[in-house]
Amino acid sequence: MIDSHPGSGTFVKGKTVMVQPSRGGYEMTMNLMIEPAIPTLVEQVRDSAISTLARQDLYSMLRYQAFGGSSRSKEAALHWLDRRLSRAVPEQVLVCPGIHSALVGLLTQLVSPGQLVCVESLAYPGIKAIAAQLGLTLHSLERDADGPLVRPFEEICRQGNVAVLYLNPTIHNPTTTIIPKGRREALADVALRYSIPIIEDDAYTLLSEESVTPIADLAPELTYYIMGTAKCFGPGLRSAFVHAPARRQAQRFSGAMRALYVMSSPLVDELVSNWILDGTADAMCKAIRTEAIARLKLAEQYLGRQRISSAKGAFHLWLKLPKASNWNPSELAVQLRSHGVSAVASAAFSTDNNPPDALRLCFGGPITRDNWEEGLQHVADLIDQPAYLSSLTT
């Protein structure tokens, strides 16, 4: 089996036993996808990979390649992008070594010294890390249940110092918000009036049961639209697809990425292309979505719907802490990780230095549904007792 975690499971052909994932090397602060324990799916992934390797010229996959992907890789990328974009243009598509790498390339290209990168007040920690590494300034936009507010975005745009708007509009990390069409249209309208480029990070979109118009369809001349395989197949692949606003921008972005990374891995590109084009990726995505919905129902049962923000298909949720518990989110996250629960405090996502009393719980990674239920019991037990009593339970 090709998997993002060594030793993540075994499958004996012809048997119907469930695959039991190993929890070795489990990074509990990352938002890891669910690893479906379905023998036929594991076999399909493995057999497709073997077939890919068997029919390819080995040396062709060990050579330097032109950045942006082979014709077959771009065919697969278009197949993937067409699930959401109304019109993906081949000349504007690039295959990249993961979404995170694409974000580094885009920010180095789009942001000049002294300019601002607009982000939500709660945002993907990777964008914070990239900005810190590149010496970029993030400007935090106030948000509500529907995503970033339009008025603060327009107000900062009027000042003329905004380089780009970064959005994660579908199953937002960490809150699971899906920005509704009306809010997307309003944000796109502001960006169009002030000519502000948009980075639309749609890493989770294929897991969502809701199909909302991408911002790239509302402001195609400004938007860099990104999809990848990390959240719907495996983060170890480091594979992503970027649709640039125009051919000229695609060429500039390709140059930036080549300077930073030389190329994406031809071997990985071939594997991913085959998995997409032969339907294996769709089967994996469907299995992840189905299991995520089942695990979310358990979370609602143990924690109550009023305490959590969630979206069908997501493998993380946003847990709002009751005031009576008196827990510090960071301390609670440490306690939960000691019980095997993947928990990250709100401070990791905050861009305005005012994190709410909340944390992200991930129910993916190398855990079973039973493991998740056990973890939920620990969560429920801890948040319903005062923090000062926690030392009595550890």
Protein backbone atom coordinates (compact mmCIF):
# COMPACT_ATOMS: atom_id res chain seq x y z
CA MET A 1 0.00 0.00 0.00
CA ILE A 2 1.24 3.51 -0.78
CA ASP A 3 0.47 5.57 2.35
CA SER A 4 1.62 8.67 4.16
CA HIS A 5 2.54 6.77 7.34
CA PRO A 6 5.03 3.87 7.26
CA GLY A 7 3.47 0.69 8.59
CA SER A 8 -0.04 2.11 8.44
CA GLY A 9 -1.65 -1.23 7.74
CA THR A 10 -1.58 -4.55 5.94
CA PHE A 11 -3.90 -6.25 3.53
CA VAL A 12 -3.96 -9.89 2.50
CA LYS A 13 -5.43 -10.28 -0.96
CA GLY A 14 -8.59 -12.32 -1.03
CA LYS A 15 -9.35 -11.77 2.65
CA THR A 16 -12.06 -9.54 4.07
CA VAL A 17 -10.34 -8.57 7.32
CA MET A 18 -10.35 -4.87 8.15
CA VAL A 19 -7.11 -2.94 7.89
CA GLN A 20 -5.94 -1.88 11.35
CA PRO A 21 -3.91 1.34 11.10
CA SER A 22 -0.73 1.68 13.13
CA ARG A 23 -0.47 4.83 15.25
CA GLY A 24 3.31 4.99 15.04
CA GLY A 25 4.68 8.34 13.86
CA TYR A 26 1.31 10.02 14.43
CA GLU A 27 1.65 13.83 14.43
CA MET A 28 -1.23 14.91 16.64
CA THR A 29 -1.12 18.63 15.85
CA MET A 30 -1.70 18.15 12.12
CA ASN A 31 -5.12 17.96 10.46
CA LEU A 32 -4.75 14.46 9.05
CA MET A 33 -7.28 12.88 6.71
CA ILE A 34 -9.18 9.78 7.71
CA GLU A 35 -7.48 6.56 6.59
CA PRO A 36 -10.37 4.34 5.45
CA ALA A 37 -9.99 0.77 6.73
CA ILE A 38 -11.61 -0.79 3.66
CA PRO A 39 -9.65 -3.78 2.28
CA THR A 40 -10.96 -3.44 -1.27
CA LEU A 41 -9.99 0.24 -1.35
CA VAL A 42 -6.52 -0.48 0.02
CA GLU A 43 -6.12 -3.13 -2.67
CA GLN A 44 -7.32 -0.71 -5.36
CA VAL A 45 -4.82 1.96 -4.28
CA ARG A 46 -1.96 -0.53 -4.16
CA ASP A 47 -2.78 -2.25 -7.44
CA SER A 48 -3.16 1.07 -9.25
CA ALA A 49 0.25 2.18 -7.92
CA ILE A 50 1.90 -1.07 -9.01
CA SER A 51 0.32 -0.76 -12.44
CA THR A 52 1.61 2.80 -12.78
CA LEU A 53 5.16 1.82 -11.89
CA ALA A 54 5.11 -1.28 -14.08
CA ARG A 55 4.15 0.50 -17.27
CA GLN A 56 6.34 3.60 -16.93
CA ASP A 57 9.89 4.08 -18.15
CA LEU A 58 11.75 4.26 -14.84
CA TYR A 59 14.41 6.67 -16.04
CA SER A 60 11.81 9.08 -17.38
CA MET A 61 10.56 9.49 -13.81
CA LEU A 62 14.07 10.04 -12.45
CA ARG A 63 14.99 12.92 -14.78
CA TYR A 64 14.60 16.64 -14.36
CA GLN A 65 11.26 17.82 -15.73
CA ALA A 66 9.86 21.13 -16.89
CA PHE A 67 8.02 22.75 -13.99
CA GLY A 68 4.24 22.60 -14.06
CA GLY A 69 3.66 18.94 -14.85
CA SER A 70 3.63 16.56 -17.80
CA SER A 71 0.74 16.46 -20.26
CA ARG A 72 -0.73 13.49 -18.38
CA SER A 73 -0.36 15.24 -15.03
CA LYS A 74 -2.12 18.30 -16.41
CA GLU A 75 -4.88 16.10 -17.80
CA ALA A 76 -5.42 14.71 -14.31
CA ALA A 77 -5.22 18.19 -12.79
CA LEU A 78 -7.91 19.45 -15.17
CA HIS A 79 -10.07 16.43 -14.34
CA TRP A 80 -9.76 17.34 -10.64
CA LEU A 81 -10.25 21.10 -11.09
CA ASP A 82 -13.29 20.59 -13.33
CA ARG A 83 -15.14 19.24 -10.29
CA ARG A 84 -15.38 22.80 -9.02
CA LEU A 85 -14.31 25.36 -11.62
CA SER A 86 -16.75 26.17 -14.42
CA ARG A 87 -13.90 26.51 -16.92
CA ALA A 88 -10.36 25.35 -16.21
CA VAL A 89 -7.89 26.44 -18.91
CA PRO A 90 -4.97 24.03 -19.56
CA GLU A 91 -2.43 26.83 -20.14
CA GLN A 92 -3.27 28.28 -16.73
CA VAL A 93 -2.80 25.05 -14.75
CA LEU A 94 0.35 24.03 -12.89
CA VAL A 95 1.12 20.86 -10.94
CA CYS A 96 2.97 21.72 -7.71
CA PRO A 97 4.64 19.83 -4.83
CA GLY A 98 1.79 20.41 -2.37
CA ILE A 99 -0.50 23.29 -1.44
CA HIS A 100 1.89 24.63 1.20
CA SER A 101 4.66 24.92 -1.39
CA ALA A 102 2.28 26.64 -3.79
CA LEU A 103 1.40 29.19 -1.10
CA VAL A 104 5.09 29.95 -0.54
CA GLY A 105 5.55 30.49 -4.27
CA LEU A 106 2.49 32.71 -4.60
CA LEU A 107 3.36 34.91 -1.64
CA THR A 108 6.95 35.41 -2.81
CA GLN A 109 5.58 36.44 -6.20
CA LEU A 110 2.61 38.59 -5.17
CA VAL A 111 3.78 40.43 -2.05
CA SER A 112 6.34 43.23 -2.00
CA PRO A 113 8.09 44.47 1.17
CA GLY A 114 5.74 46.54 3.30
CA GLN A 115 2.56 45.22 1.73
CA LEU A 116 -0.18 43.38 3.61
CA VAL A 117 -1.58 39.88 3.27
CA CYS A 118 -5.24 39.89 4.32
CA VAL A 119 -6.34 36.80 6.24
CA GLU A 120 -9.20 35.89 8.55
CA SER A 121 -8.82 36.37 12.29
CA LEU A 122 -8.67 32.57 12.50
CA ALA A 123 -6.57 31.06 9.73
CA TYR A 124 -4.62 28.02 8.59
CA PRO A 125 -1.43 27.95 10.72
CA GLY A 126 0.64 27.27 7.61
CA ILE A 127 -0.08 30.74 6.24
CA LYS A 128 1.12 32.22 9.54
CA ALA A 129 4.31 30.18 9.40
CA ILE A 130 4.99 31.12 5.77
CA ALA A 131 4.45 34.82 6.48
CA ALA A 132 6.82 34.67 9.45
CA GLN A 133 9.48 32.90 7.41
CA LEU A 134 9.21 35.37 4.52
CA GLY A 135 8.97 38.43 6.76
CA LEU A 136 5.48 39.31 5.53
CA THR A 137 2.82 41.19 7.47
CA LEU A 138 -0.58 39.59 7.95
CA HIS A 139 -3.61 41.83 8.32
CA SER A 140 -6.36 40.17 10.32
CA LEU A 141 -9.95 40.53 9.10
CA GLU A 142 -12.77 40.23 11.59
CA ARG A 143 -15.03 37.27 10.86
CA ASP A 144 -18.47 35.96 11.75
CA ALA A 145 -20.23 32.64 11.21
CA ASP A 146 -20.15 33.20 7.43
CA GLY A 147 -16.45 34.03 7.14
CA PRO A 148 -14.49 37.30 6.85
CA LEU A 149 -16.52 40.49 7.03
CA VAL A 150 -16.65 42.57 3.88
CA ARG A 151 -16.48 46.06 5.42
CA PRO A 152 -13.09 45.60 7.16
CA PHE A 153 -11.69 44.18 3.92
CA GLU A 154 -12.85 47.18 1.93
CA GLU A 155 -11.60 49.61 4.56
CA ILE A 156 -8.06 48.23 4.43
CA CYS A 157 -8.17 48.07 0.61
CA ARG A 158 -8.91 51.81 0.53
CA GLN A 159 -5.56 52.44 2.18
CA GLY A 160 -3.84 51.03 -0.90
CA ASN A 161 -1.35 48.71 0.77
CA VAL A 162 -2.99 45.29 0.35
CA ALA A 163 -1.07 42.79 -1.78
CA VAL A 164 -3.39 39.78 -1.65
CA LEU A 165 -6.40 38.24 0.07
CA TYR A 166 -5.97 34.66 1.31
CA LEU A 167 -9.13 32.59 1.78
CA ASN A 168 -9.91 29.00 2.74
CA PRO A 169 -13.63 29.24 1.91
CA THR A 170 -14.86 25.64 1.97
CA ILE A 171 -14.61 23.70 5.25
CA HIS A 172 -12.44 26.41 6.74
CA ASN A 173 -9.51 25.32 8.87
CA PRO A 174 -10.15 25.47 11.82
CA THR A 175 -13.84 26.48 12.10
CA THR A 176 -15.31 24.36 9.22
CA THR A 177 -17.14 27.44 7.92
CA ILE A 178 -18.33 27.25 4.32
CA ILE A 179 -18.53 30.83 3.10
CA PRO A 180 -21.97 31.27 1.48
CA LYS A 181 -22.29 32.51 -2.08
CA GLY A 182 -23.49 35.98 -1.10
CA ARG A 183 -20.43 36.63 1.07
CA ARG A 184 -18.15 35.26 -1.64
CA GLU A 185 -19.71 37.61 -4.18
CA ALA A 186 -19.28 40.60 -1.86
CA LEU A 187 -15.62 39.81 -1.16
CA ALA A 188 -14.97 39.24 -4.86
CA ASP A 189 -16.63 42.56 -5.69
CA VAL A 190 -14.30 44.44 -3.35
CA ALA A 191 -11.26 42.63 -4.74
CA LEU A 192 -12.32 43.47 -8.30
CA ARG A 193 -12.87 47.16 -7.52
CA TYR A 194 -9.44 47.48 -5.89
CA SER A 195 -7.61 44.97 -8.13
CA ILE A 196 -6.55 42.77 -5.20
CA PRO A 197 -5.34 39.26 -6.14
CA ILE A 198 -7.02 36.39 -4.29
CA ILE A 199 -5.53 33.08 -3.22
CA GLU A 200 -8.38 30.58 -2.89
CA ASP A 201 -7.13 27.59 -0.92
CA ASP A 202 -9.79 24.94 -1.56
CA ALA A 203 -8.00 21.99 0.03
CA TYR A 204 -11.16 20.48 1.54
CA THR A 205 -13.70 21.22 -1.19
CA LEU A 206 -14.12 17.69 -2.55
CA LEU A 207 -15.07 16.45 0.91
CA SER A 208 -17.93 18.92 1.19
CA GLU A 209 -21.53 17.97 0.47
CA GLU A 210 -22.18 21.62 -0.39
CA SER A 211 -21.09 22.85 -3.79
CA VAL A 212 -20.76 26.62 -3.52
CA THR A 213 -19.53 28.69 -6.46
CA PRO A 214 -15.75 29.13 -6.15
CA ILE A 215 -14.46 32.67 -5.83
CA ALA A 216 -12.33 31.84 -8.88
CA ASP A 217 -15.55 31.76 -10.91
CA LEU A 218 -16.65 35.11 -9.47
CA ALA A 219 -13.32 36.90 -10.00
CA PRO A 220 -11.39 34.70 -12.46
CA GLU A 221 -9.05 37.48 -13.55
CA LEU A 222 -7.72 37.87 -9.99
CA THR A 223 -7.90 34.44 -8.38
CA TYR A 224 -5.27 31.77 -7.94
CA TYR A 225 -7.35 28.67 -7.25
CA ILE A 226 -5.68 25.75 -5.45
CA MET A 227 -6.75 22.14 -4.93
CA GLY A 228 -4.65 19.24 -3.70
CA THR A 229 -4.55 15.65 -2.55
CA ALA A 230 -3.48 16.08 1.09
CA LYS A 231 -6.99 16.19 2.53
CA CYS A 232 -8.73 13.73 0.22
CA PHE A 233 -6.05 11.12 -0.50
CA GLY A 234 -2.87 11.50 1.51
CA PRO A 235 -0.64 14.35 2.80
CA GLY A 236 2.49 12.32 2.12
CA LEU A 237 1.96 12.75 -1.62
CA ARG A 238 2.67 16.52 -1.59
CA SER A 239 0.68 17.15 -4.76
CA ALA A 240 -1.42 20.19 -5.67
CA PHE A 241 -2.95 21.92 -8.67
CA VAL A 242 -2.99 25.68 -9.19
CA HIS A 243 -5.20 27.47 -11.70
CA ALA A 244 -3.76 30.93 -12.33
CA PRO A 245 -5.85 33.94 -13.43
CA ALA A 246 -4.25 34.06 -16.88
CA ARG A 247 -1.48 32.46 -18.93
CA ARG A 248 0.98 35.27 -18.15
CA GLN A 249 0.46 34.86 -14.40
CA ALA A 250 0.85 31.08 -14.77
CA GLN A 251 4.22 31.59 -16.47
CA ARG A 252 5.40 33.98 -13.75
CA PHE A 253 4.25 31.60 -11.04
CA SER A 254 5.99 28.71 -12.79
CA GLY A 255 9.24 30.69 -12.75
CA ALA A 256 8.92 31.41 -9.04
CA MET A 257 8.19 27.77 -8.24
CA ARG A 258 11.07 26.52 -10.36
CA ALA A 259 13.44 28.84 -8.49
CA LEU A 260 12.15 27.55 -5.15
CA TYR A 261 11.58 23.84 -5.80
CA VAL A 262 13.01 23.01 -9.26
CA MET A 263 10.07 20.67 -9.97
CA SER A 264 7.46 18.44 -8.43
CA SER A 265 8.30 14.73 -8.15
CA PRO A 266 7.63 12.97 -11.50
CA LEU A 267 7.07 9.70 -9.66
CA VAL A 268 4.44 11.23 -7.38
CA ASP A 269 2.86 13.06 -10.31
CA GLU A 270 2.46 9.78 -12.20
CA LEU A 271 0.95 8.00 -9.21
CA VAL A 272 -1.49 10.82 -8.51
CA SER A 273 -2.45 11.15 -12.18
CA ASN A 274 -3.23 7.46 -12.44
CA TRP A 275 -5.23 7.44 -9.21
CA ILE A 276 -7.31 10.38 -10.44
CA LEU A 277 -7.86 9.17 -13.98
CA ASP A 278 -8.73 5.56 -13.08
CA GLY A 279 -11.23 6.56 -10.37
CA THR A 280 -9.19 5.46 -7.35
CA ALA A 281 -8.99 9.01 -6.00
CA ASP A 282 -12.77 9.37 -6.22
CA ALA A 283 -13.23 6.13 -4.30
CA MET A 284 -10.83 7.30 -1.59
CA CYS A 285 -12.52 10.69 -1.32
CA LYS A 286 -15.95 9.09 -1.04
CA ALA A 287 -14.74 6.69 1.67
CA ILE A 288 -13.21 9.55 3.68
CA ARG A 289 -16.40 11.60 3.40
CA THR A 290 -18.61 8.69 4.46
CA GLU A 291 -16.50 7.85 7.50
CA ALA A 292 -16.18 11.54 8.45
CA ILE A 293 -19.96 11.90 8.54
CA ALA A 294 -20.25 8.85 10.81
CA ARG A 295 -17.58 10.19 13.18
CA LEU A 296 -19.21 13.62 13.25
CA LYS A 297 -22.46 12.04 14.42
CA LEU A 298 -20.56 10.54 17.34
CA ALA A 299 -19.13 13.96 18.18
CA GLU A 300 -22.61 15.48 18.20
CA GLN A 301 -23.78 12.68 20.47
CA TYR A 302 -20.98 13.13 23.02
CA LEU A 303 -20.41 16.89 22.87
CA GLY A 304 -23.76 18.29 21.75
CA ARG A 305 -24.40 20.27 18.59
CA GLN A 306 -24.46 23.59 20.42
CA ARG A 307 -20.82 23.22 21.45
CA ILE A 308 -19.33 22.43 18.07
CA SER A 309 -19.08 23.93 14.61
CA SER A 310 -18.85 21.31 11.92
CA ALA A 311 -19.53 20.49 8.28
CA LYS A 312 -20.54 17.20 6.72
CA GLY A 313 -17.51 15.59 5.14
CA ALA A 314 -14.99 17.43 7.31
CA PHE A 315 -12.65 15.39 9.49
CA HIS A 316 -12.18 18.18 12.01
CA LEU A 317 -14.53 20.23 14.15
CA TRP A 318 -14.37 23.44 16.16
CA LEU A 319 -15.12 22.95 19.85
CA LYS A 320 -16.28 26.00 21.81
CA LEU A 321 -15.47 25.68 25.50
CA PRO A 322 -18.16 26.39 28.10
CA LYS A 323 -17.23 29.28 30.39
CA ALA A 324 -18.02 27.18 33.44
CA SER A 325 -15.18 24.79 32.67
CA ASN A 326 -12.56 27.52 33.25
CA TRP A 327 -10.18 25.72 30.91
CA ASN A 328 -7.34 27.44 29.09
CA PRO A 329 -7.58 26.05 25.52
CA SER A 330 -3.84 25.39 25.29
CA GLU A 331 -3.77 23.47 28.56
CA LEU A 332 -6.83 21.47 27.56
CA ALA A 333 -5.28 20.62 24.20
CA VAL A 334 -2.20 19.20 25.95
CA GLN A 335 -4.41 17.14 28.25
CA LEU A 336 -6.42 15.78 25.33
CA ARG A 337 -3.34 14.85 23.31
CA SER A 338 -2.14 12.85 26.31
CA HIS A 339 -5.37 10.87 25.94
CA GLY A 340 -4.78 10.30 22.22
CA VAL A 341 -7.07 13.07 20.96
CA SER A 342 -5.72 15.31 18.19
CA ALA A 343 -6.46 18.73 19.69
CA VAL A 344 -5.01 22.14 18.82
CA ALA A 345 -5.81 25.33 20.74
CA SER A 346 -7.26 28.41 19.08
CA ALA A 347 -4.04 30.38 19.61
CA ALA A 348 -2.40 28.37 16.82
CA PHE A 349 -4.91 29.81 14.34
CA SER A 350 -5.36 33.33 15.70
CA THR A 351 -4.03 36.23 13.62
CA ASP A 352 -5.37 39.05 15.83
CA ASN A 353 -3.86 37.97 19.18
CA ASN A 354 -7.38 37.49 20.53
CA PRO A 355 -8.05 33.76 20.27
CA PRO A 356 -11.48 32.53 21.40
CA ASP A 357 -11.97 29.85 24.04
CA ALA A 358 -12.03 27.03 21.53
CA LEU A 359 -9.94 24.33 19.94
CA ARG A 360 -9.83 22.20 16.84
CA LEU A 361 -10.38 18.48 17.16
CA CYS A 362 -9.24 16.28 14.29
CA PHE A 363 -10.77 12.84 13.92
CA GLY A 364 -8.62 11.68 11.04
CA GLY A 365 -5.22 10.04 11.03
CA PRO A 366 -4.44 6.46 12.02
CA ILE A 367 -7.36 6.01 14.40
CA THR A 368 -10.46 3.85 14.18
CA ARG A 369 -14.03 4.92 14.86
CA ASP A 370 -13.78 3.17 18.23
CA ASN A 371 -10.61 5.14 19.04
CA TRP A 372 -12.46 8.34 18.21
CA GLU A 373 -15.40 7.41 20.45
CA GLU A 374 -13.01 6.73 23.33
CA GLY A 375 -11.38 10.08 22.72
CA LEU A 376 -14.74 11.85 22.69
CA GLN A 377 -15.50 10.42 26.11
CA HIS A 378 -12.28 11.97 27.41
CA VAL A 379 -13.21 15.30 25.81
CA ALA A 380 -16.68 15.27 27.34
CA ASP A 381 -15.32 14.31 30.77
CA LEU A 382 -12.67 17.02 30.80
CA ILE A 383 -14.69 19.98 29.54
CA ASP A 384 -17.46 19.27 32.03
CA GLN A 385 -15.16 19.57 35.04
CA PRO A 386 -13.26 22.63 36.30
CA ALA A 387 -9.70 22.85 35.05
CA TYR A 388 -8.23 22.70 38.57
CA LEU A 389 -9.59 19.17 38.97
CA SER A 390 -7.80 17.85 35.89
CA SER A 391 -4.70 16.86 37.85
CA LEU A 392 -6.82 14.32 39.69
CA THR A 393 -7.66 12.52 36.44
CA THR A 394 -4.19 12.26 34.89
